[in-house]
């Protein structure tokens, strides 16, 4: 059973930065993909960024150039560095992974960006 635990959320002012971390049980390099999603009460859950097992990376258009996803295989973590944050980035951020055909989700971490 894969467990994902997010950390690093909090309250930050517009223009500030936060670094989210997703700690995975097991060898994170064995996951087909690890990605970050976010969700607000009035919106569907949307993909923010992903990194594949082969190291391919992609971002949602709304965060490209501001967010950076990275993987630390030694620590079995995937991080999301978020810079130049905007109020519209406020959401619960979830770590998700796909391994051996099964989906796994963390419980989420709240990011609030004040204007």
N, C-alpha and C. Protein backbone atom coordinates (compact mmCIF):
# COMPACT_ATOMS: atom_id res chain seq x y z
N UNK A 1 0.84 -1.18 0.00
CA UNK A 1 0.00 0.00 0.00
C UNK A 1 0.89 1.25 0.00
N UNK A 2 0.64 2.13 -0.94
CA UNK A 2 1.42 3.35 -1.05
C UNK A 2 0.78 4.43 -0.20
N UNK A 3 1.59 5.13 0.55
CA UNK A 3 1.12 6.28 1.32
C UNK A 3 1.86 7.51 0.86
N UNK A 4 1.10 8.58 0.70
CA UNK A 4 1.64 9.87 0.30
C UNK A 4 1.29 10.89 1.37
N UNK A 5 2.27 11.64 1.83
CA UNK A 5 2.04 12.63 2.87
C UNK A 5 2.57 13.98 2.40
N UNK A 6 1.67 14.94 2.28
CA UNK A 6 2.06 16.28 1.86
C UNK A 6 2.41 17.15 3.07
N UNK A 7 3.27 18.10 2.83
CA UNK A 7 3.61 19.08 3.86
C UNK A 7 4.05 20.37 3.17
N UNK A 8 4.10 21.44 3.95
CA UNK A 8 4.63 22.69 3.44
C UNK A 8 3.61 23.77 3.12
N UNK A 9 2.34 23.45 3.25
CA UNK A 9 1.34 24.46 2.98
C UNK A 9 1.32 25.53 4.06
N UNK A 10 0.58 26.58 3.81
CA UNK A 10 0.49 27.66 4.78
C UNK A 10 -0.08 28.92 4.17
N UNK A 11 0.06 30.00 4.91
CA UNK A 11 -0.43 31.31 4.49
C UNK A 11 0.76 32.15 4.04
N UNK A 12 0.61 32.76 2.87
CA UNK A 12 1.67 33.59 2.31
C UNK A 12 1.05 34.77 1.60
N UNK A 13 1.77 35.86 1.51
CA UNK A 13 1.27 37.04 0.80
C UNK A 13 1.49 36.90 -0.70
N UNK A 14 0.73 37.65 -1.45
CA UNK A 14 0.91 37.69 -2.90
C UNK A 14 2.36 38.01 -3.24
N UNK A 15 2.91 37.22 -4.17
CA UNK A 15 4.30 37.39 -4.55
C UNK A 15 5.26 36.53 -3.77
N UNK A 16 4.79 35.90 -2.73
CA UNK A 16 5.64 35.08 -1.89
C UNK A 16 5.86 33.69 -2.46
N UNK A 17 6.55 32.86 -1.68
CA UNK A 17 6.91 31.52 -2.12
C UNK A 17 6.59 30.49 -1.04
N UNK A 18 6.31 29.29 -1.50
CA UNK A 18 6.16 28.14 -0.61
C UNK A 18 6.76 26.93 -1.32
N UNK A 19 7.18 25.98 -0.52
CA UNK A 19 7.69 24.72 -1.07
C UNK A 19 6.89 23.58 -0.46
N UNK A 20 6.17 22.88 -1.31
CA UNK A 20 5.41 21.72 -0.87
C UNK A 20 6.25 20.46 -1.07
N UNK A 21 6.04 19.53 -0.19
CA UNK A 21 6.76 18.26 -0.28
C UNK A 21 5.77 17.11 -0.18
N UNK A 22 6.02 16.09 -0.97
CA UNK A 22 5.22 14.86 -0.94
C UNK A 22 6.16 13.71 -0.61
N UNK A 23 5.97 13.15 0.57
CA UNK A 23 6.80 12.03 1.00
C UNK A 23 6.06 10.74 0.70
N UNK A 24 6.72 9.84 0.00
CA UNK A 24 6.10 8.58 -0.42
C UNK A 24 6.70 7.41 0.33
N UNK A 25 5.84 6.43 0.61
CA UNK A 25 6.35 5.18 1.16
C UNK A 25 6.87 4.35 0.01
N UNK A 26 8.02 3.77 0.15
CA UNK A 26 8.58 2.99 -0.92
C UNK A 26 9.45 3.80 -1.87
N UNK A 27 9.96 3.13 -2.87
CA UNK A 27 10.88 3.74 -3.83
C UNK A 27 10.11 4.61 -4.82
N UNK A 28 10.29 5.90 -4.72
CA UNK A 28 9.52 6.82 -5.56
C UNK A 28 9.87 6.68 -7.03
N UNK A 29 11.01 6.15 -7.34
CA UNK A 29 11.39 5.98 -8.75
C UNK A 29 10.60 4.84 -9.40
N UNK A 30 9.91 4.06 -8.59
CA UNK A 30 9.10 2.98 -9.15
C UNK A 30 7.69 3.43 -9.53
N UNK A 31 7.37 4.67 -9.23
CA UNK A 31 6.05 5.20 -9.58
C UNK A 31 6.04 5.65 -11.03
N UNK A 32 5.01 5.33 -11.75
CA UNK A 32 4.92 5.73 -13.16
C UNK A 32 4.89 7.26 -13.28
N UNK A 33 4.17 7.87 -12.37
CA UNK A 33 4.09 9.33 -12.38
C UNK A 33 3.74 9.80 -10.98
N UNK A 34 4.25 10.96 -10.63
CA UNK A 34 3.86 11.64 -9.41
C UNK A 34 3.46 13.04 -9.81
N UNK A 35 2.31 13.45 -9.36
CA UNK A 35 1.88 14.80 -9.74
C UNK A 35 1.22 15.52 -8.58
N UNK A 36 1.08 16.79 -8.77
CA UNK A 36 0.39 17.67 -7.83
C UNK A 36 -0.90 18.16 -8.47
N UNK A 37 -1.96 18.06 -7.71
CA UNK A 37 -3.25 18.61 -8.09
C UNK A 37 -3.64 19.66 -7.06
N UNK A 38 -4.58 20.51 -7.43
CA UNK A 38 -5.13 21.44 -6.47
C UNK A 38 -6.64 21.54 -6.68
N UNK A 39 -7.30 21.90 -5.59
CA UNK A 39 -8.76 22.00 -5.65
C UNK A 39 -9.25 23.08 -4.71
N UNK A 40 -10.20 23.87 -5.20
CA UNK A 40 -10.92 24.84 -4.39
C UNK A 40 -12.37 24.39 -4.33
N UNK A 41 -13.14 24.90 -3.37
CA UNK A 41 -14.53 24.45 -3.22
C UNK A 41 -15.38 24.67 -4.47
N UNK A 42 -15.06 25.69 -5.26
CA UNK A 42 -15.90 26.01 -6.42
C UNK A 42 -15.32 25.54 -7.74
N UNK A 43 -14.23 24.79 -7.70
CA UNK A 43 -13.61 24.33 -8.93
C UNK A 43 -13.32 22.84 -8.88
N UNK A 44 -13.19 22.27 -10.06
CA UNK A 44 -12.79 20.87 -10.13
C UNK A 44 -11.31 20.77 -9.76
N UNK A 45 -10.94 19.57 -9.37
CA UNK A 45 -9.53 19.33 -9.10
C UNK A 45 -8.75 19.45 -10.40
N UNK A 46 -7.66 20.19 -10.39
CA UNK A 46 -6.88 20.38 -11.60
C UNK A 46 -5.44 19.97 -11.38
N UNK A 47 -4.85 19.43 -12.42
CA UNK A 47 -3.45 19.04 -12.36
C UNK A 47 -2.59 20.28 -12.44
N UNK A 48 -1.60 20.35 -11.58
CA UNK A 48 -0.70 21.49 -11.53
C UNK A 48 0.62 21.18 -12.20
N UNK A 49 1.18 20.02 -11.87
CA UNK A 49 2.48 19.63 -12.43
C UNK A 49 2.66 18.14 -12.25
N UNK A 50 3.41 17.53 -13.15
CA UNK A 50 3.71 16.12 -12.98
C UNK A 50 5.14 15.82 -13.39
N UNK A 51 5.66 14.73 -12.85
CA UNK A 51 6.96 14.21 -13.22
C UNK A 51 6.81 12.71 -13.41
N UNK A 52 7.28 12.22 -14.54
CA UNK A 52 7.14 10.81 -14.83
C UNK A 52 8.35 10.01 -14.32
N UNK A 53 8.21 8.72 -14.40
CA UNK A 53 9.29 7.84 -13.96
C UNK A 53 10.57 8.13 -14.76
N UNK A 54 10.39 8.49 -16.03
CA UNK A 54 11.54 8.79 -16.87
C UNK A 54 12.07 10.20 -16.72
N UNK A 55 11.40 10.99 -15.90
CA UNK A 55 11.87 12.34 -15.64
C UNK A 55 11.22 13.43 -16.49
N UNK A 56 10.25 13.07 -17.29
CA UNK A 56 9.53 14.09 -18.05
C UNK A 56 8.69 14.93 -17.11
N UNK A 57 8.62 16.21 -17.41
CA UNK A 57 7.93 17.16 -16.54
C UNK A 57 6.99 18.02 -17.38
N UNK A 58 5.86 18.33 -16.80
CA UNK A 58 4.95 19.26 -17.46
C UNK A 58 4.17 20.04 -16.41
N UNK A 59 3.67 21.18 -16.82
CA UNK A 59 2.96 22.08 -15.91
C UNK A 59 1.67 22.57 -16.53
N UNK A 60 0.73 22.92 -15.68
CA UNK A 60 -0.45 23.62 -16.15
C UNK A 60 -0.02 25.00 -16.63
N UNK A 61 -0.73 25.50 -17.63
CA UNK A 61 -0.38 26.79 -18.19
C UNK A 61 -0.40 27.90 -17.15
N UNK A 62 -1.29 27.78 -16.18
CA UNK A 62 -1.47 28.82 -15.18
C UNK A 62 -0.30 28.94 -14.22
N UNK A 63 0.55 27.92 -14.14
CA UNK A 63 1.66 27.96 -13.19
C UNK A 63 3.02 27.89 -13.87
N UNK A 64 3.03 27.69 -15.16
CA UNK A 64 4.30 27.54 -15.87
C UNK A 64 5.15 28.80 -15.69
N UNK A 65 6.41 28.59 -15.37
CA UNK A 65 7.31 29.72 -15.14
C UNK A 65 7.34 30.18 -13.70
N UNK A 66 6.38 29.71 -12.89
CA UNK A 66 6.34 30.10 -11.47
C UNK A 66 6.56 28.90 -10.55
N UNK A 67 6.11 27.73 -10.97
CA UNK A 67 6.22 26.52 -10.15
C UNK A 67 7.27 25.59 -10.76
N UNK A 68 7.94 24.86 -9.88
CA UNK A 68 8.93 23.88 -10.32
C UNK A 68 8.74 22.59 -9.54
N UNK A 69 8.58 21.50 -10.26
CA UNK A 69 8.46 20.18 -9.62
C UNK A 69 9.81 19.48 -9.70
N UNK A 70 10.14 18.77 -8.64
CA UNK A 70 11.41 18.05 -8.62
C UNK A 70 11.28 16.79 -7.79
N UNK A 71 12.19 15.88 -8.02
CA UNK A 71 12.16 14.59 -7.33
C UNK A 71 13.49 14.36 -6.63
N UNK A 72 13.41 13.91 -5.40
CA UNK A 72 14.61 13.53 -4.64
C UNK A 72 14.51 12.04 -4.35
N UNK A 73 15.19 11.26 -5.14
CA UNK A 73 15.08 9.81 -5.01
C UNK A 73 15.65 9.29 -3.70
N UNK A 74 16.66 9.95 -3.19
CA UNK A 74 17.27 9.52 -1.93
C UNK A 74 16.30 9.67 -0.76
N UNK A 75 15.44 10.67 -0.84
CA UNK A 75 14.48 10.94 0.24
C UNK A 75 13.09 10.43 -0.10
N UNK A 76 12.90 9.90 -1.31
CA UNK A 76 11.57 9.45 -1.75
C UNK A 76 10.54 10.56 -1.64
N UNK A 77 10.92 11.73 -2.12
CA UNK A 77 10.01 12.87 -2.08
C UNK A 77 9.92 13.54 -3.45
N UNK A 78 8.78 14.15 -3.68
CA UNK A 78 8.59 15.03 -4.83
C UNK A 78 8.16 16.38 -4.28
N UNK A 79 8.85 17.40 -4.70
CA UNK A 79 8.58 18.74 -4.18
C UNK A 79 8.00 19.64 -5.25
N UNK A 80 7.29 20.63 -4.79
CA UNK A 80 6.73 21.65 -5.68
C UNK A 80 7.13 23.00 -5.13
N UNK A 81 8.07 23.64 -5.80
CA UNK A 81 8.49 24.98 -5.43
C UNK A 81 7.56 25.98 -6.12
N UNK A 82 6.91 26.79 -5.32
CA UNK A 82 5.93 27.74 -5.86
C UNK A 82 6.39 29.14 -5.58
N UNK A 83 6.68 29.88 -6.63
CA UNK A 83 7.14 31.26 -6.52
C UNK A 83 6.12 32.22 -7.11
N UNK A 84 6.25 33.47 -6.74
CA UNK A 84 5.35 34.52 -7.24
C UNK A 84 3.89 34.10 -7.11
N UNK A 85 3.54 33.69 -5.93
CA UNK A 85 2.19 33.18 -5.70
C UNK A 85 1.14 34.26 -5.83
N UNK A 86 -0.03 33.84 -6.32
CA UNK A 86 -1.16 34.74 -6.54
C UNK A 86 -2.35 34.25 -5.74
N UNK A 87 -3.29 35.13 -5.44
CA UNK A 87 -4.48 34.68 -4.69
C UNK A 87 -5.19 33.52 -5.36
N UNK A 88 -5.18 33.47 -6.66
CA UNK A 88 -5.86 32.37 -7.37
C UNK A 88 -5.14 31.03 -7.24
N UNK A 89 -3.95 31.04 -6.65
CA UNK A 89 -3.25 29.79 -6.36
C UNK A 89 -3.74 29.16 -5.05
N UNK A 90 -4.55 29.89 -4.31
CA UNK A 90 -5.07 29.36 -3.05
C UNK A 90 -5.92 28.12 -3.31
N UNK A 91 -5.62 27.05 -2.61
CA UNK A 91 -6.32 25.78 -2.82
C UNK A 91 -5.75 24.74 -1.87
N UNK A 92 -6.40 23.61 -1.83
CA UNK A 92 -5.80 22.44 -1.19
C UNK A 92 -5.00 21.72 -2.27
N UNK A 93 -3.75 21.47 -1.97
CA UNK A 93 -2.85 20.82 -2.92
C UNK A 93 -2.69 19.36 -2.53
N UNK A 94 -2.88 18.50 -3.51
CA UNK A 94 -2.81 17.06 -3.29
C UNK A 94 -1.67 16.45 -4.10
N UNK A 95 -1.01 15.51 -3.48
CA UNK A 95 -0.03 14.70 -4.18
C UNK A 95 -0.74 13.44 -4.67
N UNK A 96 -0.44 13.06 -5.87
CA UNK A 96 -1.06 11.88 -6.48
C UNK A 96 0.03 11.06 -7.15
N UNK A 97 -0.14 9.77 -7.15
CA UNK A 97 0.81 8.92 -7.86
C UNK A 97 0.08 7.76 -8.53
N UNK A 98 0.73 7.26 -9.54
CA UNK A 98 0.24 6.10 -10.28
C UNK A 98 1.33 5.04 -10.23
N UNK A 99 0.96 3.88 -9.70
CA UNK A 99 1.94 2.81 -9.59
C UNK A 99 1.26 1.48 -9.85
N UNK A 100 1.80 0.73 -10.77
CA UNK A 100 1.26 -0.59 -11.10
C UNK A 100 -0.24 -0.53 -11.39
N UNK A 101 -0.64 0.55 -12.07
CA UNK A 101 -2.03 0.67 -12.49
C UNK A 101 -2.99 1.17 -11.42
N UNK A 102 -2.50 1.49 -10.25
CA UNK A 102 -3.36 1.98 -9.18
C UNK A 102 -3.04 3.43 -8.86
N UNK A 103 -4.10 4.15 -8.47
CA UNK A 103 -3.97 5.56 -8.10
C UNK A 103 -3.86 5.69 -6.59
N UNK A 104 -3.03 6.63 -6.17
CA UNK A 104 -2.87 6.91 -4.75
C UNK A 104 -2.91 8.42 -4.54
N UNK A 105 -3.56 8.83 -3.46
CA UNK A 105 -3.69 10.25 -3.14
C UNK A 105 -3.27 10.51 -1.71
N UNK A 106 -2.64 11.66 -1.51
CA UNK A 106 -2.41 12.13 -0.17
C UNK A 106 -3.65 12.84 0.34
N UNK A 107 -3.58 13.32 1.58
CA UNK A 107 -4.75 13.98 2.18
C UNK A 107 -4.80 15.46 1.89
N UNK A 108 -3.73 16.01 1.36
CA UNK A 108 -3.72 17.39 0.95
C UNK A 108 -3.11 18.34 1.96
N UNK A 109 -2.66 19.47 1.44
CA UNK A 109 -2.13 20.54 2.30
C UNK A 109 -2.68 21.86 1.77
N UNK A 110 -3.10 22.72 2.69
CA UNK A 110 -3.78 23.95 2.33
C UNK A 110 -2.79 25.08 2.07
N UNK A 111 -2.97 25.73 0.93
CA UNK A 111 -2.19 26.91 0.57
C UNK A 111 -3.14 28.09 0.46
N UNK A 112 -2.84 29.14 1.20
CA UNK A 112 -3.66 30.36 1.16
C UNK A 112 -2.76 31.53 0.82
N UNK A 113 -3.11 32.23 -0.24
CA UNK A 113 -2.34 33.39 -0.68
C UNK A 113 -3.19 34.63 -0.46
N UNK A 114 -2.73 35.50 0.39
CA UNK A 114 -3.50 36.71 0.72
C UNK A 114 -3.12 37.84 -0.23
N UNK A 115 -4.12 38.66 -0.54
CA UNK A 115 -3.89 39.78 -1.47
C UNK A 115 -3.46 41.03 -0.73
